[in-house]
Amino acid sequence: MKARKDESGKIALYSELPADWKNYLNFSAAPVSLQQQEGFFEVVTPEYDPETEVLSELYFSAAAGVFTYDVVQRVFDLEELRAQRLSEFSAVLDQFAVLITKARLITGDDDPALNAAIAQTRQMRVDTLAAIRAIDNVEAMRAFRIRNEDVDYFKSLFEPFV
């Protein structure tokens, strides 16, 4: 990947160099020194952890002779993370709502085993929402996940009915 800063200062990315550039034919095969003379330099993306870091705006590093990014620590907001976790859990609850509706249509509302599965699922909902709402620090909220094994277990409660 190459980049070039145009006359207005805007950086344009090029997945491949243009075949022809200005009055140069076969520019993509031209020596690197000519490409750099025309403002085309490599783009170097530093290694970073997207869970905890983000990349800055692309800029030209004259010292390194490349376009690159700075790695910046992400700043997490507890309430934004809480909203994200609640949204993730809401998507899981939507799956259960579909299963419960199907099960009730097939077996009716009077099946004790179905009602027990629904009650257990409702309690899981109450407990999980309370757990998400009780978390009071960013690191714990970042670490909180709805485990696939738990989702699969609760889905399995409805398998006999759908």
C-alpha atoms as a PDB file:
ATOM      1  CA  MET A   1       0.000   0.000   0.000  1.00  0.00           C
ATOM      2  CA  LYS A   2       1.248   3.449  -0.901  1.00  0.00           C
ATOM      3  CA  ALA A   3       0.045   6.915  -0.027  1.00  0.00           C
ATOM      4  CA  ARG A   4       0.603  10.387  -1.350  1.00  0.00           C
ATOM      5  CA  LYS A   5      -0.169  13.814   0.035  1.00  0.00           C
ATOM      6  CA  ASP A   6      -1.708  16.001  -2.640  1.00  0.00           C
ATOM      7  CA  GLU A   7      -1.223  19.733  -3.084  1.00  0.00           C
ATOM      8  CA  SER A   8      -4.109  20.528  -0.695  1.00  0.00           C
ATOM      9  CA  GLY A   9      -2.535  18.374   2.018  1.00  0.00           C
ATOM     10  CA  LYS A  10      -5.041  15.521   1.719  1.00  0.00           C
ATOM     11  CA  ILE A  11      -3.550  12.033   1.928  1.00  0.00           C
ATOM     12  CA  ALA A  12      -4.720   9.573  -0.730  1.00  0.00           C
ATOM     13  CA  LEU A  13      -4.205   5.831  -0.337  1.00  0.00           C
ATOM     14  CA  TYR A  14      -3.283   3.641  -3.296  1.00  0.00           C
ATOM     15  CA  SER A  15      -3.659  -0.124  -3.151  1.00  0.00           C
ATOM     16  CA  GLU A  16      -1.424  -0.105  -6.216  1.00  0.00           C
ATOM     17  CA  LEU A  17       0.466   2.634  -7.947  1.00  0.00           C
ATOM     18  CA  PRO A  18      -1.021   4.156 -11.086  1.00  0.00           C
ATOM     19  CA  ALA A  19       0.289   2.578 -14.261  1.00  0.00           C
ATOM     20  CA  ASP A  20       0.964   6.045 -15.654  1.00  0.00           C
ATOM     21  CA  TRP A  21       1.611   9.169 -13.640  1.00  0.00           C
ATOM     22  CA  LYS A  22       1.944  12.655 -15.082  1.00  0.00           C
ATOM     23  CA  ASN A  23       4.386  12.185 -17.966  1.00  0.00           C
ATOM     24  CA  TYR A  24       5.781   8.850 -16.692  1.00  0.00           C
ATOM     25  CA  LEU A  25       4.718   5.717 -18.511  1.00  0.00           C
ATOM     26  CA  ASN A  26       4.777   2.458 -16.559  1.00  0.00           C
ATOM     27  CA  PHE A  27       5.089   4.483 -13.358  1.00  0.00           C
ATOM     28  CA  SER A  28       4.305   1.492 -11.155  1.00  0.00           C
ATOM     29  CA  ALA A  29       7.537  -0.140 -12.358  1.00  0.00           C
ATOM     30  CA  ALA A  30       9.597   3.032 -11.907  1.00  0.00           C
ATOM     31  CA  PRO A  31      12.427   3.084  -9.361  1.00  0.00           C
ATOM     32  CA  VAL A  32      11.323   3.757  -5.788  1.00  0.00           C
ATOM     33  CA  SER A  33      13.373   6.955  -5.774  1.00  0.00           C
ATOM     34  CA  LEU A  34      11.248   8.355  -8.643  1.00  0.00           C
ATOM     35  CA  GLN A  35       8.027   7.253  -6.954  1.00  0.00           C
ATOM     36  CA  GLN A  36       9.134   9.007  -3.771  1.00  0.00           C
ATOM     37  CA  GLN A  37      10.147  12.101  -5.756  1.00  0.00           C
ATOM     38  CA  GLU A  38       6.497  12.182  -6.916  1.00  0.00           C
ATOM     39  CA  GLY A  39       5.315  11.855  -3.305  1.00  0.00           C
ATOM     40  CA  PHE A  40       4.442   8.138  -3.167  1.00  0.00           C
ATOM     41  CA  PHE A  41       5.639   6.401  -0.013  1.00  0.00           C
ATOM     42  CA  GLU A  42       4.891   3.095   1.709  1.00  0.00           C
ATOM     43  CA  VAL A  43       2.156   2.940   4.335  1.00  0.00           C
ATOM     44  CA  VAL A  44       3.290   1.203   7.515  1.00  0.00           C
ATOM     45  CA  THR A  45       0.575   0.090   9.907  1.00  0.00           C
ATOM     46  CA  PRO A  46       2.018  -0.558  13.360  1.00  0.00           C
ATOM     47  CA  GLU A  47       0.916  -3.559  15.385  1.00  0.00           C
ATOM     48  CA  TYR A  48      -1.752  -2.732  17.928  1.00  0.00           C
ATOM     49  CA  ASP A  49      -4.446  -4.365  20.029  1.00  0.00           C
ATOM     50  CA  PRO A  50      -7.842  -3.198  18.715  1.00  0.00           C
ATOM     51  CA  GLU A  51      -9.407  -4.147  22.051  1.00  0.00           C
ATOM     52  CA  THR A  52      -7.397  -1.514  23.900  1.00  0.00           C
ATOM     53  CA  GLU A  53      -5.822   0.690  21.221  1.00  0.00           C
ATOM     54  CA  VAL A  54      -6.782   2.668  18.128  1.00  0.00           C
ATOM     55  CA  LEU A  55      -4.794   4.135  15.270  1.00  0.00           C
ATOM     56  CA  SER A  56      -4.433   7.887  14.854  1.00  0.00           C
ATOM     57  CA  GLU A  57      -4.926   9.672  11.561  1.00  0.00           C
ATOM     58  CA  LEU A  58      -2.487   8.669   8.846  1.00  0.00           C
ATOM     59  CA  TYR A  59       0.482  11.040   8.617  1.00  0.00           C
ATOM     60  CA  PHE A  60       3.831  11.248   6.888  1.00  0.00           C
ATOM     61  CA  SER A  61       6.858  10.517   9.060  1.00  0.00           C
ATOM     62  CA  ALA A  62       9.763  12.357   7.458  1.00  0.00           C
ATOM     63  CA  ALA A  63      12.192  10.637   9.827  1.00  0.00           C
ATOM     64  CA  ALA A  64      11.105   7.166   8.690  1.00  0.00           C
ATOM     65  CA  GLY A  65      10.220   8.125   5.110  1.00  0.00           C
ATOM     66  CA  VAL A  66       6.805   6.414   5.313  1.00  0.00           C
ATOM     67  CA  PHE A  67       3.179   7.167   5.974  1.00  0.00           C
ATOM     68  CA  THR A  68       2.147   5.699   9.295  1.00  0.00           C
ATOM     69  CA  TYR A  69      -0.153   5.951  12.292  1.00  0.00           C
ATOM     70  CA  ASP A  70       0.402   6.482  15.989  1.00  0.00           C
ATOM     71  CA  VAL A  71      -1.032   3.896  18.362  1.00  0.00           C
ATOM     72  CA  VAL A  72      -3.304   5.527  20.925  1.00  0.00           C
ATOM     73  CA  GLN A  73      -4.781   3.960  24.057  1.00  0.00           C
ATOM     74  CA  ARG A  74      -8.573   3.711  23.840  1.00  0.00           C
ATOM     75  CA  VAL A  75     -10.539   5.558  26.472  1.00  0.00           C
ATOM     76  CA  PHE A  76     -13.501   3.519  27.644  1.00  0.00           C
ATOM     77  CA  ASP A  77     -16.700   4.956  29.056  1.00  0.00           C
ATOM     78  CA  LEU A  78     -18.467   2.726  31.583  1.00  0.00           C
ATOM     79  CA  GLU A  79     -21.975   3.729  30.492  1.00  0.00           C
ATOM     80  CA  GLU A  80     -21.199   3.225  26.801  1.00  0.00           C
ATOM     81  CA  LEU A  81     -19.852  -0.244  27.569  1.00  0.00           C
ATOM     82  CA  ARG A  82     -22.909  -0.984  29.718  1.00  0.00           C
ATOM     83  CA  ALA A  83     -25.208   0.048  26.857  1.00  0.00           C
ATOM     84  CA  GLN A  84     -23.210  -2.187  24.502  1.00  0.00           C
ATOM     85  CA  ARG A  85     -23.473  -5.193  26.849  1.00  0.00           C
ATOM     86  CA  LEU A  86     -27.215  -4.587  27.315  1.00  0.00           C
ATOM     87  CA  SER A  87     -27.644  -4.413  23.550  1.00  0.00           C
ATOM     88  CA  GLU A  88     -25.714  -7.673  23.095  1.00  0.00           C
ATOM     89  CA  PHE A  89     -27.882  -9.335  25.724  1.00  0.00           C
ATOM     90  CA  SER A  90     -31.037  -7.942  24.133  1.00  0.00           C
ATOM     91  CA  ALA A  91     -30.111  -9.750  20.903  1.00  0.00           C
ATOM     92  CA  VAL A  92     -29.822 -12.998  22.878  1.00  0.00           C
ATOM     93  CA  LEU A  93     -33.185 -12.368  24.538  1.00  0.00           C
ATOM     94  CA  ASP A  94     -34.737 -11.871  21.110  1.00  0.00           C
ATOM     95  CA  GLN A  95     -33.630 -15.400  20.189  1.00  0.00           C
ATOM     96  CA  PHE A  96     -35.287 -16.763  23.324  1.00  0.00           C
ATOM     97  CA  ALA A  97     -38.487 -14.835  22.607  1.00  0.00           C
ATOM     98  CA  VAL A  98     -38.736 -16.540  19.224  1.00  0.00           C
ATOM     99  CA  LEU A  99     -38.161 -19.971  20.786  1.00  0.00           C
ATOM    100  CA  ILE A 100     -40.747 -19.358  23.498  1.00  0.00           C
ATOM    101  CA  THR A 101     -43.322 -18.192  20.963  1.00  0.00           C
ATOM    102  CA  LYS A 102     -42.740 -21.250  18.769  1.00  0.00           C
ATOM    103  CA  ALA A 103     -42.880 -23.589  21.759  1.00  0.00           C
ATOM    104  CA  ARG A 104     -46.149 -22.076  23.000  1.00  0.00           C
ATOM    105  CA  LEU A 105     -47.701 -22.355  19.546  1.00  0.00           C
ATOM    106  CA  ILE A 106     -46.760 -26.021  19.328  1.00  0.00           C
ATOM    107  CA  THR A 107     -47.471 -27.186  22.884  1.00  0.00           C
ATOM    108  CA  GLY A 108     -49.800 -24.543  24.291  1.00  0.00           C
ATOM    109  CA  ASP A 109     -49.502 -22.604  27.529  1.00  0.00           C
ATOM    110  CA  ASP A 110     -50.356 -25.484  29.872  1.00  0.00           C
ATOM    111  CA  ASP A 111     -47.259 -27.664  29.514  1.00  0.00           C
ATOM    112  CA  PRO A 112     -45.510 -27.736  32.942  1.00  0.00           C
ATOM    113  CA  ALA A 113     -42.090 -28.553  31.438  1.00  0.00           C
ATOM    114  CA  LEU A 114     -42.354 -25.640  29.009  1.00  0.00           C
ATOM    115  CA  ASN A 115     -43.455 -23.306  31.788  1.00  0.00           C
ATOM    116  CA  ALA A 116     -40.480 -24.453  33.890  1.00  0.00           C
ATOM    117  CA  ALA A 117     -38.090 -23.711  30.984  1.00  0.00           C
ATOM    118  CA  ILE A 118     -39.674 -20.289  30.532  1.00  0.00           C
ATOM    119  CA  ALA A 119     -39.381 -19.555  34.262  1.00  0.00           C
ATOM    120  CA  GLN A 120     -35.718 -20.590  34.272  1.00  0.00           C
ATOM    121  CA  THR A 121     -35.044 -18.393  31.239  1.00  0.00           C
ATOM    122  CA  ARG A 122     -36.821 -15.436  32.845  1.00  0.00           C
ATOM    123  CA  GLN A 123     -34.711 -15.845  35.987  1.00  0.00           C
ATOM    124  CA  MET A 124     -31.544 -15.928  33.869  1.00  0.00           C
ATOM    125  CA  ARG A 125     -32.752 -12.685  32.242  1.00  0.00           C
ATOM    126  CA  VAL A 126     -33.308 -11.009  35.615  1.00  0.00           C
ATOM    127  CA  ASP A 127     -29.953 -12.220  36.979  1.00  0.00           C
ATOM    128  CA  THR A 128     -27.981 -11.191  33.897  1.00  0.00           C
ATOM    129  CA  LEU A 129     -29.558  -7.735  33.681  1.00  0.00           C
ATOM    130  CA  ALA A 130     -28.840  -7.213  37.382  1.00  0.00           C
ATOM    131  CA  ALA A 131     -25.230  -8.341  36.899  1.00  0.00           C
ATOM    132  CA  ILE A 132     -24.702  -5.930  33.990  1.00  0.00           C
ATOM    133  CA  ARG A 133     -26.283  -3.053  35.908  1.00  0.00           C
ATOM    134  CA  ALA A 134     -24.225  -3.791  39.038  1.00  0.00           C
ATOM    135  CA  ILE A 135     -20.807  -3.600  37.365  1.00  0.00           C
ATOM    136  CA  ASP A 136     -19.131  -0.400  38.511  1.00  0.00           C
ATOM    137  CA  ASN A 137     -15.776  -0.366  36.725  1.00  0.00           C
ATOM    138  CA  VAL A 138     -14.617  -0.292  33.135  1.00  0.00           C
ATOM    139  CA  GLU A 139     -12.335  -3.335  33.274  1.00  0.00           C
ATOM    140  CA  ALA A 140     -15.052  -5.588  34.687  1.00  0.00           C
ATOM    141  CA  MET A 141     -17.521  -4.312  32.087  1.00  0.00           C
ATOM    142  CA  ARG A 142     -15.022  -4.901  29.289  1.00  0.00           C
ATOM    143  CA  ALA A 143     -14.493  -8.455  30.535  1.00  0.00           C
ATOM    144  CA  PHE A 144     -18.209  -9.257  30.852  1.00  0.00           C
ATOM    145  CA  ARG A 145     -19.453 -11.604  28.143  1.00  0.00           C
ATOM    146  CA  ILE A 146     -22.575 -13.632  27.528  1.00  0.00           C
ATOM    147  CA  ARG A 147     -21.054 -17.077  27.176  1.00  0.00           C
ATOM    148  CA  ASN A 148     -22.088 -19.159  24.172  1.00  0.00           C
ATOM    149  CA  GLU A 149     -22.307 -22.232  26.402  1.00  0.00           C
ATOM    150  CA  ASP A 150     -24.936 -20.483  28.536  1.00  0.00           C
ATOM    151  CA  VAL A 151     -26.945 -19.404  25.508  1.00  0.00           C
ATOM    152  CA  ASP A 152     -26.780 -22.931  24.099  1.00  0.00           C
ATOM    153  CA  TYR A 153     -27.919 -24.394  27.420  1.00  0.00           C
ATOM    154  CA  PHE A 154     -30.997 -22.183  27.573  1.00  0.00           C
ATOM    155  CA  LYS A 155     -31.778 -22.862  23.929  1.00  0.00           C
ATOM    156  CA  SER A 156     -31.562 -26.583  24.658  1.00  0.00           C
ATOM    157  CA  LEU A 157     -34.336 -26.207  27.249  1.00  0.00           C
ATOM    158  CA  PHE A 158     -36.734 -25.469  24.395  1.00  0.00           C
ATOM    159  CA  GLU A 159     -35.582 -28.180  21.978  1.00  0.00           C
ATOM    160  CA  PRO A 160     -38.250 -30.697  23.145  1.00  0.00           C
ATOM    161  CA  PHE A 161     -40.966 -28.184  22.325  1.00  0.00           C
ATOM    162  CA  VAL A 162     -39.972 -26.857  18.901  1.00  0.00           C
END
